[in-house]
Amino acid sequence: MYNFTLIGRVPSKKNSRITNRKTGRSFPSSSYVKWHKQAEKQLEKLKEENIDFPIHIHYEFFMPDLRKTDISNKIESINDLLVDIHFLKDDNWKIIQQFSAYAQLDRDNPRVEIQIDEL
């Protein structure tokens, strides 16, 4: 149904948040904000799809190094991006009913390849 690639390392939105000491509000890190803007440009053609039916998403991560990393946080960052650009109406269980993920090393071309199929 849909296949696309996001170039670069996917940062975690949840980790490395910045907290405003005066207000107590927290915000995503600058690396996440920068990645989000670049990823939006990469996915320009997918904007406004607004998928609202059951899907399966497969994420294949190609990591730039052997650092330990939490794949589920990276998946959450991608899902939030897909909702933010209105590709997905929401990332709840009624829409993303299945997902799978795989990670491997590619020092020269870090990326995540995403395949989305209707259930």
PDB file of N, CA and C in Angstrom:
ATOM      1  N   MET A   1       0.819  -1.186   0.000  1.00  0.00           N
ATOM      2  CA  MET A   1       0.000   0.000   0.000  1.00  0.00           C
ATOM      3  C   MET A   1       0.869   1.259   0.000  1.00  0.00           C
ATOM      4  N   TYR A   2       1.699   1.466   1.043  1.00  0.00           N
ATOM      5  CA  TYR A   2       2.614   2.599   1.116  1.00  0.00           C
ATOM      6  C   TYR A   2       3.994   2.095   1.501  1.00  0.00           C
ATOM      7  N   ASN A   3       5.012   2.589   0.829  1.00  0.00           N
ATOM      8  CA  ASN A   3       6.409   2.335   1.169  1.00  0.00           C
ATOM      9  C   ASN A   3       7.144   3.658   1.102  1.00  0.00           C
ATOM     10  N   PHE A   4       7.887   3.976   2.149  1.00  0.00           N
ATOM     11  CA  PHE A   4       8.683   5.199   2.130  1.00  0.00           C
ATOM     12  C   PHE A   4       9.855   5.055   3.077  1.00  0.00           C
ATOM     13  N   THR A   5      10.832   5.946   2.918  1.00  0.00           N
ATOM     14  CA  THR A   5      12.068   5.913   3.695  1.00  0.00           C
ATOM     15  C   THR A   5      12.299   7.267   4.339  1.00  0.00           C
ATOM     16  N   LEU A   6      12.697   7.241   5.599  1.00  0.00           N
ATOM     17  CA  LEU A   6      13.141   8.447   6.299  1.00  0.00           C
ATOM     18  C   LEU A   6      14.651   8.340   6.472  1.00  0.00           C
ATOM     19  N   ILE A   7      15.370   9.301   5.950  1.00  0.00           N
ATOM     20  CA  ILE A   7      16.825   9.294   5.977  1.00  0.00           C
ATOM     21  C   ILE A   7      17.332   9.807   7.323  1.00  0.00           C
ATOM     22  N   GLY A   8      18.381   9.167   7.845  1.00  0.00           N
ATOM     23  CA  GLY A   8      19.022   9.602   9.081  1.00  0.00           C
ATOM     24  C   GLY A   8      18.557   8.815  10.293  1.00  0.00           C
ATOM     25  N   ARG A   9      19.151   9.139  11.428  1.00  0.00           N
ATOM     26  CA  ARG A   9      18.804   8.500  12.699  1.00  0.00           C
ATOM     27  C   ARG A   9      17.512   9.115  13.233  1.00  0.00           C
ATOM     28  N   VAL A  10      16.608   8.270  13.652  1.00  0.00           N
ATOM     29  CA  VAL A  10      15.345   8.731  14.237  1.00  0.00           C
ATOM     30  C   VAL A  10      15.582   8.967  15.730  1.00  0.00           C
ATOM     31  N   PRO A  11      15.421  10.203  16.203  1.00  0.00           N
ATOM     32  CA  PRO A  11      15.600  10.452  17.641  1.00  0.00           C
ATOM     33  C   PRO A  11      14.337  10.099  18.426  1.00  0.00           C
ATOM     34  N   SER A  12      14.493   9.920  19.683  1.00  0.00           N
ATOM     35  CA  SER A  12      13.359   9.655  20.556  1.00  0.00           C
ATOM     36  C   SER A  12      12.726  10.975  20.965  1.00  0.00           C
ATOM     37  N   LYS A  13      11.420  11.060  20.829  1.00  0.00           N
ATOM     38  CA  LYS A  13      10.703  12.252  21.274  1.00  0.00           C
ATOM     39  C   LYS A  13      10.583  12.259  22.792  1.00  0.00           C
ATOM     40  N   LYS A  14      10.457  11.077  23.355  1.00  0.00           N
ATOM     41  CA  LYS A  14      10.196  10.928  24.786  1.00  0.00           C
ATOM     42  C   LYS A  14      11.433  11.238  25.637  1.00  0.00           C
ATOM     43  N   ASN A  15      12.593  10.796  25.192  1.00  0.00           N
ATOM     44  CA  ASN A  15      13.824  11.018  25.960  1.00  0.00           C
ATOM     45  C   ASN A  15      14.432  12.371  25.610  1.00  0.00           C
ATOM     46  N   SER A  16      15.261  12.874  26.470  1.00  0.00           N
ATOM     47  CA  SER A  16      15.990  14.137  26.260  1.00  0.00           C
ATOM     48  C   SER A  16      15.056  15.333  26.096  1.00  0.00           C
ATOM     49  N   ARG A  17      13.948  15.328  26.787  1.00  0.00           N
ATOM     50  CA  ARG A  17      13.037  16.474  26.738  1.00  0.00           C
ATOM     51  C   ARG A  17      13.643  17.635  27.515  1.00  0.00           C
ATOM     52  N   ILE A  18      13.294  18.832  27.136  1.00  0.00           N
ATOM     53  CA  ILE A  18      13.789  20.051  27.776  1.00  0.00           C
ATOM     54  C   ILE A  18      12.654  20.627  28.612  1.00  0.00           C
ATOM     55  N   THR A  19      12.938  20.912  29.889  1.00  0.00           N
ATOM     56  CA  THR A  19      11.914  21.447  30.783  1.00  0.00           C
ATOM     57  C   THR A  19      12.190  22.915  31.063  1.00  0.00           C
ATOM     58  N   ASN A  20      11.159  23.738  30.901  1.00  0.00           N
ATOM     59  CA  ASN A  20      11.241  25.154  31.219  1.00  0.00           C
ATOM     60  C   ASN A  20      11.135  25.274  32.740  1.00  0.00           C
ATOM     61  N   ARG A  21      12.155  25.797  33.377  1.00  0.00           N
ATOM     62  CA  ARG A  21      12.186  25.872  34.850  1.00  0.00           C
ATOM     63  C   ARG A  21      11.105  26.780  35.414  1.00  0.00           C
ATOM     64  N   LYS A  22      10.741  27.818  34.676  1.00  0.00           N
ATOM     65  CA  LYS A  22       9.736  28.756  35.175  1.00  0.00           C
ATOM     66  C   LYS A  22       8.333  28.185  35.101  1.00  0.00           C
ATOM     67  N   THR A  23       8.015  27.547  33.970  1.00  0.00           N
ATOM     68  CA  THR A  23       6.641  27.065  33.771  1.00  0.00           C
ATOM     69  C   THR A  23       6.463  25.586  34.111  1.00  0.00           C
ATOM     70  N   GLY A  24       7.569  24.832  34.095  1.00  0.00           N
ATOM     71  CA  GLY A  24       7.484  23.397  34.343  1.00  0.00           C
ATOM     72  C   GLY A  24       7.064  22.596  33.119  1.00  0.00           C
ATOM     73  N   ARG A  25       6.775  23.281  32.012  1.00  0.00           N
ATOM     74  CA  ARG A  25       6.390  22.594  30.779  1.00  0.00           C
ATOM     75  C   ARG A  25       7.624  21.985  30.129  1.00  0.00           C
ATOM     76  N   SER A  26       7.422  20.827  29.504  1.00  0.00           N
ATOM     77  CA  SER A  26       8.552  20.204  28.817  1.00  0.00           C
ATOM     78  C   SER A  26       8.307  20.171  27.316  1.00  0.00           C
ATOM     79  N   PHE A  27       9.391  20.182  26.572  1.00  0.00           N
ATOM     80  CA  PHE A  27       9.359  20.230  25.122  1.00  0.00           C
ATOM     81  C   PHE A  27      10.328  19.194  24.566  1.00  0.00           C
ATOM     82  N   PRO A  28      10.071  18.711  23.354  1.00  0.00           N
ATOM     83  CA  PRO A  28      11.022  17.779  22.741  1.00  0.00           C
ATOM     84  C   PRO A  28      12.385  18.446  22.551  1.00  0.00           C
ATOM     85  N   SER A  29      13.422  17.641  22.506  1.00  0.00           N
ATOM     86  CA  SER A  29      14.780  18.154  22.333  1.00  0.00           C
ATOM     87  C   SER A  29      14.932  18.831  20.978  1.00  0.00           C
ATOM     88  N   SER A  30      15.959  19.649  20.851  1.00  0.00           N
ATOM     89  CA  SER A  30      16.207  20.334  19.581  1.00  0.00           C
ATOM     90  C   SER A  30      16.539  19.337  18.481  1.00  0.00           C
ATOM     91  N   SER A  31      17.183  18.216  18.816  1.00  0.00           N
ATOM     92  CA  SER A  31      17.486  17.213  17.791  1.00  0.00           C
ATOM     93  C   SER A  31      16.207  16.579  17.258  1.00  0.00           C
ATOM     94  N   TYR A  32      15.214  16.375  18.132  1.00  0.00           N
ATOM     95  CA  TYR A  32      13.934  15.830  17.679  1.00  0.00           C
ATOM     96  C   TYR A  32      13.208  16.839  16.796  1.00  0.00           C
ATOM     97  N   VAL A  33      13.182  18.103  17.205  1.00  0.00           N
ATOM     98  CA  VAL A  33      12.492  19.143  16.434  1.00  0.00           C
ATOM     99  C   VAL A  33      13.127  19.273  15.048  1.00  0.00           C
ATOM    100  N   LYS A  34      14.452  19.254  14.995  1.00  0.00           N
ATOM    101  CA  LYS A  34      15.165  19.350  13.709  1.00  0.00           C
ATOM    102  C   LYS A  34      14.824  18.144  12.833  1.00  0.00           C
ATOM    103  N   TRP A  35      14.874  16.941  13.409  1.00  0.00           N
ATOM    104  CA  TRP A  35      14.531  15.724  12.652  1.00  0.00           C
ATOM    105  C   TRP A  35      13.092  15.796  12.145  1.00  0.00           C
ATOM    106  N   HIS A  36      12.176  16.224  12.999  1.00  0.00           N
ATOM    107  CA  HIS A  36      10.751  16.294  12.644  1.00  0.00           C
ATOM    108  C   HIS A  36      10.548  17.191  11.419  1.00  0.00           C
ATOM    109  N   LYS A  37      11.198  18.348  11.397  1.00  0.00           N
ATOM    110  CA  LYS A  37      11.066  19.273  10.266  1.00  0.00           C
ATOM    111  C   LYS A  37      11.626  18.658   8.986  1.00  0.00           C
ATOM    112  N   GLN A  38      12.779  17.995   9.095  1.00  0.00           N
ATOM    113  CA  GLN A  38      13.380  17.357   7.922  1.00  0.00           C
ATOM    114  C   GLN A  38      12.513  16.194   7.435  1.00  0.00           C
ATOM    115  N   ALA A  39      11.969  15.419   8.369  1.00  0.00           N
ATOM    116  CA  ALA A  39      11.130  14.278   8.004  1.00  0.00           C
ATOM    117  C   ALA A  39       9.829  14.742   7.358  1.00  0.00           C
ATOM    118  N   GLU A  40       9.274  15.836   7.824  1.00  0.00           N
ATOM    119  CA  GLU A  40       8.064  16.398   7.203  1.00  0.00           C
ATOM    120  C   GLU A  40       8.314  16.695   5.728  1.00  0.00           C
ATOM    121  N   LYS A  41       9.474  17.265   5.428  1.00  0.00           N
ATOM    122  CA  LYS A  41       9.819  17.570   4.034  1.00  0.00           C
ATOM    123  C   LYS A  41       9.953  16.284   3.218  1.00  0.00           C
ATOM    124  N   GLN A  42      10.548  15.250   3.819  1.00  0.00           N
ATOM    125  CA  GLN A  42      10.714  13.979   3.117  1.00  0.00           C
ATOM    126  C   GLN A  42       9.365  13.327   2.811  1.00  0.00           C
ATOM    127  N   LEU A  43       8.374  13.594   3.644  1.00  0.00           N
ATOM    128  CA  LEU A  43       7.063  12.958   3.493  1.00  0.00           C
ATOM    129  C   LEU A  43       6.001  13.902   2.929  1.00  0.00           C
ATOM    130  N   GLU A  44       6.436  14.944   2.277  1.00  0.00           N
ATOM    131  CA  GLU A  44       5.511  15.958   1.740  1.00  0.00           C
ATOM    132  C   GLU A  44       4.380  15.330   0.917  1.00  0.00           C
ATOM    133  N   LYS A  45       4.701  14.324   0.134  1.00  0.00           N
ATOM    134  CA  LYS A  45       3.686  13.714  -0.745  1.00  0.00           C
ATOM    135  C   LYS A  45       2.631  12.917   0.025  1.00  0.00           C
ATOM    136  N   LEU A  46       2.897  12.605   1.296  1.00  0.00           N
ATOM    137  CA  LEU A  46       1.959  11.813   2.090  1.00  0.00           C
ATOM    138  C   LEU A  46       1.030  12.664   2.944  1.00  0.00           C
ATOM    139  N   LYS A  47       1.276  13.955   3.001  1.00  0.00           N
ATOM    140  CA  LYS A  47       0.466  14.834   3.858  1.00  0.00           C
ATOM    141  C   LYS A  47      -1.006  14.749   3.498  1.00  0.00           C
ATOM    142  N   GLU A  48      -1.808  14.828   4.512  1.00  0.00           N
ATOM    143  CA  GLU A  48      -3.264  14.921   4.380  1.00  0.00           C
ATOM    144  C   GLU A  48      -3.941  13.649   3.887  1.00  0.00           C
ATOM    145  N   GLU A  49      -3.285  12.497   3.953  1.00  0.00           N
ATOM    146  CA  GLU A  49      -3.952  11.227   3.611  1.00  0.00           C
ATOM    147  C   GLU A  49      -5.074  10.936   4.608  1.00  0.00           C
ATOM    148  N   ASN A  50      -4.763  11.120   5.890  1.00  0.00           N
ATOM    149  CA  ASN A  50      -5.723  10.934   6.975  1.00  0.00           C
ATOM    150  C   ASN A  50      -6.305   9.522   7.048  1.00  0.00           C
ATOM    151  N   ILE A  51      -5.422   8.540   7.055  1.00  0.00           N
ATOM    152  CA  ILE A  51      -5.831   7.134   7.142  1.00  0.00           C
ATOM    153  C   ILE A  51      -6.569   6.898   8.450  1.00  0.00           C
ATOM    154  N   ASP A  52      -7.737   6.300   8.362  1.00  0.00           N
ATOM    155  CA  ASP A  52      -8.532   6.026   9.568  1.00  0.00           C
ATOM    156  C   ASP A  52      -9.079   4.596   9.576  1.00  0.00           C
ATOM    157  N   PHE A  53      -8.386   3.683   8.908  1.00  0.00           N
ATOM    158  CA  PHE A  53      -8.793   2.281   8.859  1.00  0.00           C
ATOM    159  C   PHE A  53      -7.647   1.420   9.394  1.00  0.00           C
ATOM    160  N   PRO A  54      -7.903   0.170   9.747  1.00  0.00           N
ATOM    161  CA  PRO A  54      -6.874  -0.697  10.344  1.00  0.00           C
ATOM    162  C   PRO A  54      -5.699  -0.957   9.394  1.00  0.00           C
ATOM    163  N   ILE A  55      -4.481  -0.805   9.953  1.00  0.00           N
ATOM    164  CA  ILE A  55      -3.265  -1.010   9.162  1.00  0.00           C
ATOM    165  C   ILE A  55      -2.235  -1.806   9.951  1.00  0.00           C
ATOM    166  N   HIS A  56      -1.264  -2.321   9.210  1.00  0.00           N
ATOM    167  CA  HIS A  56      -0.052  -2.926   9.775  1.00  0.00           C
ATOM    168  C   HIS A  56       1.108  -2.064   9.305  1.00  0.00           C
ATOM    169  N   ILE A  57       1.990  -1.690  10.230  1.00  0.00           N
ATOM    170  CA  ILE A  57       3.186  -0.922   9.878  1.00  0.00           C
ATOM    171  C   ILE A  57       4.412  -1.764  10.192  1.00  0.00           C
ATOM    172  N   HIS A  58       5.314  -1.872   9.211  1.00  0.00           N
ATOM    173  CA  HIS A  58       6.599  -2.538   9.423  1.00  0.00           C
ATOM    174  C   HIS A  58       7.691  -1.476   9.326  1.00  0.00           C
ATOM    175  N   TYR A  59       8.524  -1.409  10.360  1.00  0.00           N
ATOM    176  CA  TYR A  59       9.625  -0.450  10.437  1.00  0.00           C
ATOM    177  C   TYR A  59      10.928  -1.239  10.321  1.00  0.00           C
ATOM    178  N   GLU A  60      11.757  -0.885   9.366  1.00  0.00           N
ATOM    179  CA  GLU A  60      13.075  -1.516   9.257  1.00  0.00           C
ATOM    180  C   GLU A  60      14.129  -0.430   9.455  1.00  0.00           C
ATOM    181  N   PHE A  61      14.777  -0.482  10.614  1.00  0.00           N
ATOM    182  CA  PHE A  61      15.764   0.528  10.994  1.00  0.00           C
ATOM    183  C   PHE A  61      17.153   0.098  10.541  1.00  0.00           C
ATOM    184  N   PHE A  62      17.885   1.038   9.992  1.00  0.00           N
ATOM    185  CA  PHE A  62      19.278   0.848   9.612  1.00  0.00           C
ATOM    186  C   PHE A  62      20.073   1.840  10.455  1.00  0.00           C
ATOM    187  N   MET A  63      20.732   1.322  11.486  1.00  0.00           N
ATOM    188  CA  MET A  63      21.375   2.155  12.499  1.00  0.00           C
ATOM    189  C   MET A  63      22.796   2.545  12.076  1.00  0.00           C
ATOM    190  N   PRO A  64      23.230   3.765  12.435  1.00  0.00           N
ATOM    191  CA  PRO A  64      24.552   4.233  12.038  1.00  0.00           C
ATOM    192  C   PRO A  64      25.692   3.690  12.909  1.00  0.00           C
ATOM    193  N   ASP A  65      25.345   3.104  14.058  1.00  0.00           N
ATOM    194  CA  ASP A  65      26.376   2.598  14.962  1.00  0.00           C
ATOM    195  C   ASP A  65      25.764   1.512  15.850  1.00  0.00           C
ATOM    196  N   LEU A  66      26.569   0.990  16.749  1.00  0.00           N
ATOM    197  CA  LEU A  66      26.128  -0.117  17.599  1.00  0.00           C
ATOM    198  C   LEU A  66      25.652   0.339  18.977  1.00  0.00           C
ATOM    199  N   ARG A  67      25.390   1.648  19.139  1.00  0.00           N
ATOM    200  CA  ARG A  67      24.884   2.141  20.419  1.00  0.00           C
ATOM    201  C   ARG A  67      23.569   1.461  20.761  1.00  0.00           C
ATOM    202  N   LYS A  68      23.385   1.201  22.057  1.00  0.00           N
ATOM    203  CA  LYS A  68      22.099   0.671  22.500  1.00  0.00           C
ATOM    204  C   LYS A  68      21.044   1.747  22.297  1.00  0.00           C
ATOM    205  N   THR A  69      19.895   1.339  21.804  1.00  0.00           N
ATOM    206  CA  THR A  69      18.822   2.299  21.545  1.00  0.00           C
ATOM    207  C   THR A  69      17.482   1.611  21.731  1.00  0.00           C
ATOM    208  N   ASP A  70      16.501   2.372  22.088  1.00  0.00           N
ATOM    209  CA  ASP A  70      15.166   1.850  22.351  1.00  0.00           C
ATOM    210  C   ASP A  70      14.318   2.008  21.095  1.00  0.00           C
ATOM    211  N   ILE A  71      14.090   0.911  20.405  1.00  0.00           N
ATOM    212  CA  ILE A  71      13.343   0.935  19.150  1.00  0.00           C
ATOM    213  C   ILE A  71      11.902   1.418  19.368  1.00  0.00           C
ATOM    214  N   SER A  72      11.292   1.037  20.483  1.00  0.00           N
ATOM    215  CA  SER A  72       9.896   1.439  20.703  1.00  0.00           C
ATOM    216  C   SER A  72       9.766   2.965  20.797  1.00  0.00           C
ATOM    217  N   ASN A  73      10.767   3.650  21.355  1.00  0.00           N
ATOM    218  CA  ASN A  73      10.729   5.119  21.389  1.00  0.00           C
ATOM    219  C   ASN A  73      10.842   5.707  19.987  1.00  0.00           C
ATOM    220  N   LYS A  74      11.640   5.080  19.137  1.00  0.00           N
ATOM    221  CA  LYS A  74      11.786   5.556  17.763  1.00  0.00           C
ATOM    222  C   LYS A  74      10.496   5.338  16.973  1.00  0.00           C
ATOM    223  N   ILE A  75       9.840   4.214  17.229  1.00  0.00           N
ATOM    224  CA  ILE A  75       8.553   3.943  16.587  1.00  0.00           C
ATOM    225  C   ILE A  75       7.538   5.002  17.001  1.00  0.00           C
ATOM    226  N   GLU A  76       7.533   5.348  18.275  1.00  0.00           N
ATOM    227  CA  GLU A  76       6.618   6.376  18.769  1.00  0.00           C
ATOM    228  C   GLU A  76       6.884   7.722  18.096  1.00  0.00           C
ATOM    229  N   SER A  77       8.153   8.064  17.884  1.00  0.00           N
ATOM    230  CA  SER A  77       8.497   9.310  17.192  1.00  0.00           C
ATOM    231  C   SER A  77       7.952   9.311  15.771  1.00  0.00           C
ATOM    232  N   ILE A  78       8.091   8.189  15.077  1.00  0.00           N
ATOM    233  CA  ILE A  78       7.597   8.088  13.704  1.00  0.00           C
ATOM    234  C   ILE A  78       6.073   8.170  13.677  1.00  0.00           C
ATOM    235  N   ASN A  79       5.418   7.441  14.565  1.00  0.00           N
ATOM    236  CA  ASN A  79       3.954   7.478  14.604  1.00  0.00           C
ATOM    237  C   ASN A  79       3.442   8.883  14.884  1.00  0.00           C
ATOM    238  N   ASP A  80       4.075   9.590  15.820  1.00  0.00           N
ATOM    239  CA  ASP A  80       3.672  10.969  16.119  1.00  0.00           C
ATOM    240  C   ASP A  80       3.853  11.861  14.894  1.00  0.00           C
ATOM    241  N   LEU A  81       4.940  11.662  14.161  1.00  0.00           N
ATOM    242  CA  LEU A  81       5.168  12.414  12.928  1.00  0.00           C
ATOM    243  C   LEU A  81       4.049  12.144  11.929  1.00  0.00           C
ATOM    244  N   LEU A  82       3.674  10.881  11.748  1.00  0.00           N
ATOM    245  CA  LEU A  82       2.637  10.528  10.784  1.00  0.00           C
ATOM    246  C   LEU A  82       1.284  11.130  11.155  1.00  0.00           C
ATOM    247  N   VAL A  83       1.024  11.263  12.447  1.00  0.00           N
ATOM    248  CA  VAL A  83      -0.209  11.931  12.894  1.00  0.00           C
ATOM    249  C   VAL A  83      -0.082  13.440  12.683  1.00  0.00           C
ATOM    250  N   ASP A  84       1.064  14.011  13.012  1.00  0.00           N
ATOM    251  CA  ASP A  84       1.270  15.457  12.878  1.00  0.00           C
ATOM    252  C   ASP A  84       1.094  15.945  11.436  1.00  0.00           C
ATOM    253  N   ILE A  85       1.495  15.134  10.454  1.00  0.00           N
ATOM    254  CA  ILE A  85       1.360  15.552   9.052  1.00  0.00           C
ATOM    255  C   ILE A  85       0.011  15.117   8.470  1.00  0.00           C
ATOM    256  N   HIS A  86      -0.841  14.548   9.314  1.00  0.00           N
ATOM    257  CA  HIS A  86      -2.187  14.104   8.925  1.00  0.00           C
ATOM    258  C   HIS A  86      -2.161  12.954   7.920  1.00  0.00           C
ATOM    259  N   PHE A  87      -1.087  12.158   7.957  1.00  0.00           N
ATOM    260  CA  PHE A  87      -1.074  10.927   7.170  1.00  0.00           C
ATOM    261  C   PHE A  87      -1.973   9.897   7.858  1.00  0.00           C
ATOM    262  N   LEU A  88      -1.818   9.810   9.193  1.00  0.00           N
ATOM    263  CA  LEU A  88      -2.700   8.973  10.011  1.00  0.00           C
ATOM    264  C   LEU A  88      -3.653   9.886  10.770  1.00  0.00           C
ATOM    265  N   LYS A  89      -4.900   9.481  10.874  1.00  0.00           N
ATOM    266  CA  LYS A  89      -5.858  10.260  11.663  1.00  0.00           C
ATOM    267  C   LYS A  89      -5.465  10.224  13.140  1.00  0.00           C
ATOM    268  N   ASP A  90      -4.970   9.061  13.583  1.00  0.00           N
ATOM    269  CA  ASP A  90      -4.532   8.869  14.968  1.00  0.00           C
ATOM    270  C   ASP A  90      -3.601   7.662  14.979  1.00  0.00           C
ATOM    271  N   ASP A  91      -2.875   7.488  16.073  1.00  0.00           N
ATOM    272  CA  ASP A  91      -2.016   6.304  16.175  1.00  0.00           C
ATOM    273  C   ASP A  91      -2.532   5.344  17.248  1.00  0.00           C
ATOM    274  N   ASN A  92      -3.834   5.319  17.436  1.00  0.00           N
ATOM    275  CA  ASN A  92      -4.422   4.424  18.435  1.00  0.00           C
ATOM    276  C   ASN A  92      -4.537   2.996  17.882  1.00  0.00           C
ATOM    277  N   TRP A  93      -4.975   2.088  18.723  1.00  0.00           N
ATOM    278  CA  TRP A  93      -5.023   0.666  18.365  1.00  0.00           C
ATOM    279  C   TRP A  93      -6.072   0.338  17.310  1.00  0.00           C
ATOM    280  N   LYS A  94      -7.051   1.207  17.119  1.00  0.00           N
ATOM    281  CA  LYS A  94      -8.068   0.951  16.095  1.00  0.00           C
ATOM    282  C   LYS A  94      -7.512   1.192  14.686  1.00  0.00           C
ATOM    283  N   ILE A  95      -6.458   1.983  14.595  1.00  0.00           N
ATOM    284  CA  ILE A  95      -5.826   2.247  13.303  1.00  0.00           C
ATOM    285  C   ILE A  95      -4.557   1.416  13.166  1.00  0.00           C
ATOM    286  N   ILE A  96      -3.606   1.583  14.069  1.00  0.00           N
ATOM    287  CA  ILE A  96      -2.397   0.749  14.023  1.00  0.00           C
ATOM    288  C   ILE A  96      -2.697  -0.523  14.818  1.00  0.00           C
ATOM    289  N   GLN A  97      -3.244  -1.502  14.125  1.00  0.00           N
ATOM    290  CA  GLN A  97      -3.641  -2.738  14.798  1.00  0.00           C
ATOM    291  C   GLN A  97      -2.495  -3.732  14.884  1.00  0.00           C
ATOM    292  N   GLN A  98      -1.537  -3.614  13.988  1.00  0.00           N
ATOM    293  CA  GLN A  98      -0.371  -4.495  14.019  1.00  0.00           C
ATOM    294  C   GLN A  98       0.860  -3.678  13.637  1.00  0.00           C
ATOM    295  N   PHE A  99       1.990  -4.061  14.222  1.00  0.00           N
ATOM    296  CA  PHE A  99       3.245  -3.474  13.772  1.00  0.00           C
ATOM    297  C   PHE A  99       4.367  -4.466  14.008  1.00  0.00           C
ATOM    298  N   SER A 100       5.426  -4.300  13.258  1.00  0.00           N
ATOM    299  CA  SER A 100       6.617  -5.125  13.424  1.00  0.00           C
ATOM    300  C   SER A 100       7.825  -4.231  13.176  1.00  0.00           C
ATOM    301  N   ALA A 101       8.954  -4.622  13.731  1.00  0.00           N
ATOM    302  CA  ALA A 101      10.158  -3.809  13.587  1.00  0.00           C
ATOM    303  C   ALA A 101      11.380  -4.704  13.540  1.00  0.00           C
ATOM    304  N   TYR A 102      12.375  -4.227  12.836  1.00  0.00           N
ATOM    305  CA  TYR A 102      13.634  -4.933  12.679  1.00  0.00           C
ATOM    306  C   TYR A 102      14.723  -3.878  12.621  1.00  0.00           C
ATOM    307  N   ALA A 103      15.880  -4.168  13.192  1.00  0.00           N
ATOM    308  CA  ALA A 103      16.990  -3.217  13.156  1.00  0.00           C
ATOM    309  C   ALA A 103      18.267  -3.923  12.749  1.00  0.00           C
ATOM    310  N   GLN A 104      19.080  -3.201  11.995  1.00  0.00           N
ATOM    311  CA  GLN A 104      20.383  -3.704  11.588  1.00  0.00           C
ATOM    312  C   GLN A 104      21.333  -2.529  11.414  1.00  0.00           C
ATOM    313  N   LEU A 105      22.583  -2.810  11.193  1.00  0.00           N
ATOM    314  CA  LEU A 105      23.627  -1.788  11.091  1.00  0.00           C
ATOM    315  C   LEU A 105      23.827  -1.370   9.631  1.00  0.00           C
ATOM    316  N   ASP A 106      23.903  -0.066   9.398  1.00  0.00           N
ATOM    317  CA  ASP A 106      24.331   0.489   8.112  1.00  0.00           C
ATOM    318  C   ASP A 106      25.001   1.819   8.418  1.00  0.00           C
ATOM    319  N   ARG A 107      26.300   1.777   8.645  1.00  0.00           N
ATOM    320  CA  ARG A 107      27.052   2.965   9.056  1.00  0.00           C
ATOM    321  C   ARG A 107      27.013   4.085   8.005  1.00  0.00           C
ATOM    322  N   ASP A 108      26.909   3.717   6.742  1.00  0.00           N
ATOM    323  CA  ASP A 108      26.984   4.700   5.656  1.00  0.00           C
ATOM    324  C   ASP A 108      25.646   5.328   5.288  1.00  0.00           C
ATOM    325  N   ASN A 109      24.537   4.673   5.626  1.00  0.00           N
ATOM    326  CA  ASN A 109      23.236   5.172   5.197  1.00  0.00           C
ATOM    327  C   ASN A 109      22.167   4.896   6.260  1.00  0.00           C
ATOM    328  N   PRO A 110      22.248   5.575   7.421  1.00  0.00           N
ATOM    329  CA  PRO A 110      21.229   5.349   8.449  1.00  0.00           C
ATOM    330  C   PRO A 110      19.866   5.831   7.953  1.00  0.00           C
ATOM    331  N   ARG A 111      18.830   5.034   8.259  1.00  0.00           N
ATOM    332  CA  ARG A 111      17.496   5.348   7.771  1.00  0.00           C
ATOM    333  C   ARG A 111      16.501   4.396   8.407  1.00  0.00           C
ATOM    334  N   VAL A 112      15.235   4.649   8.141  1.00  0.00           N
ATOM    335  CA  VAL A 112      14.193   3.687   8.482  1.00  0.00           C
ATOM    336  C   VAL A 112      13.303   3.550   7.250  1.00  0.00           C
ATOM    337  N   GLU A 113      13.096   2.313   6.848  1.00  0.00           N
ATOM    338  CA  GLU A 113      12.210   2.014   5.730  1.00  0.00           C
ATOM    339  C   GLU A 113      10.886   1.544   6.321  1.00  0.00           C
ATOM    340  N   ILE A 114       9.812   2.134   5.843  1.00  0.00           N
ATOM    341  CA  ILE A 114       8.496   1.886   6.431  1.00  0.00           C
ATOM    342  C   ILE A 114       7.549   1.338   5.369  1.00  0.00           C
ATOM    343  N   GLN A 115       6.883   0.275   5.722  1.00  0.00           N
ATOM    344  CA  GLN A 115       5.878  -0.307   4.838  1.00  0.00           C
ATOM    345  C   GLN A 115       4.558  -0.347   5.591  1.00  0.00           C
ATOM    346  N   ILE A 116       3.495   0.156   4.967  1.00  0.00           N
ATOM    347  CA  ILE A 116       2.174   0.205   5.584  1.00  0.00           C
ATOM    348  C   ILE A 116       1.196  -0.540   4.686  1.00  0.00           C
ATOM    349  N   ASP A 117       0.489  -1.502   5.285  1.00  0.00           N
ATOM    350  CA  ASP A 117      -0.497  -2.277   4.554  1.00  0.00           C
ATOM    351  C   ASP A 117      -1.846  -2.209   5.251  1.00  0.00           C
ATOM    352  N   GLU A 118      -2.892  -2.174   4.463  1.00  0.00           N
ATOM    353  CA  GLU A 118      -4.249  -2.208   5.002  1.00  0.00           C
ATOM    354  C   GLU A 118      -4.559  -3.622   5.484  1.00  0.00           C
ATOM    355  N   LEU A 119      -5.275  -3.720   6.599  1.00  0.00           N
ATOM    356  CA  LEU A 119      -5.683  -5.037   7.108  1.00  0.00           C
ATOM    357  C   LEU A 119      -7.065  -5.382   6.623  1.00  0.00           C
TER     358      LEU A 119
END
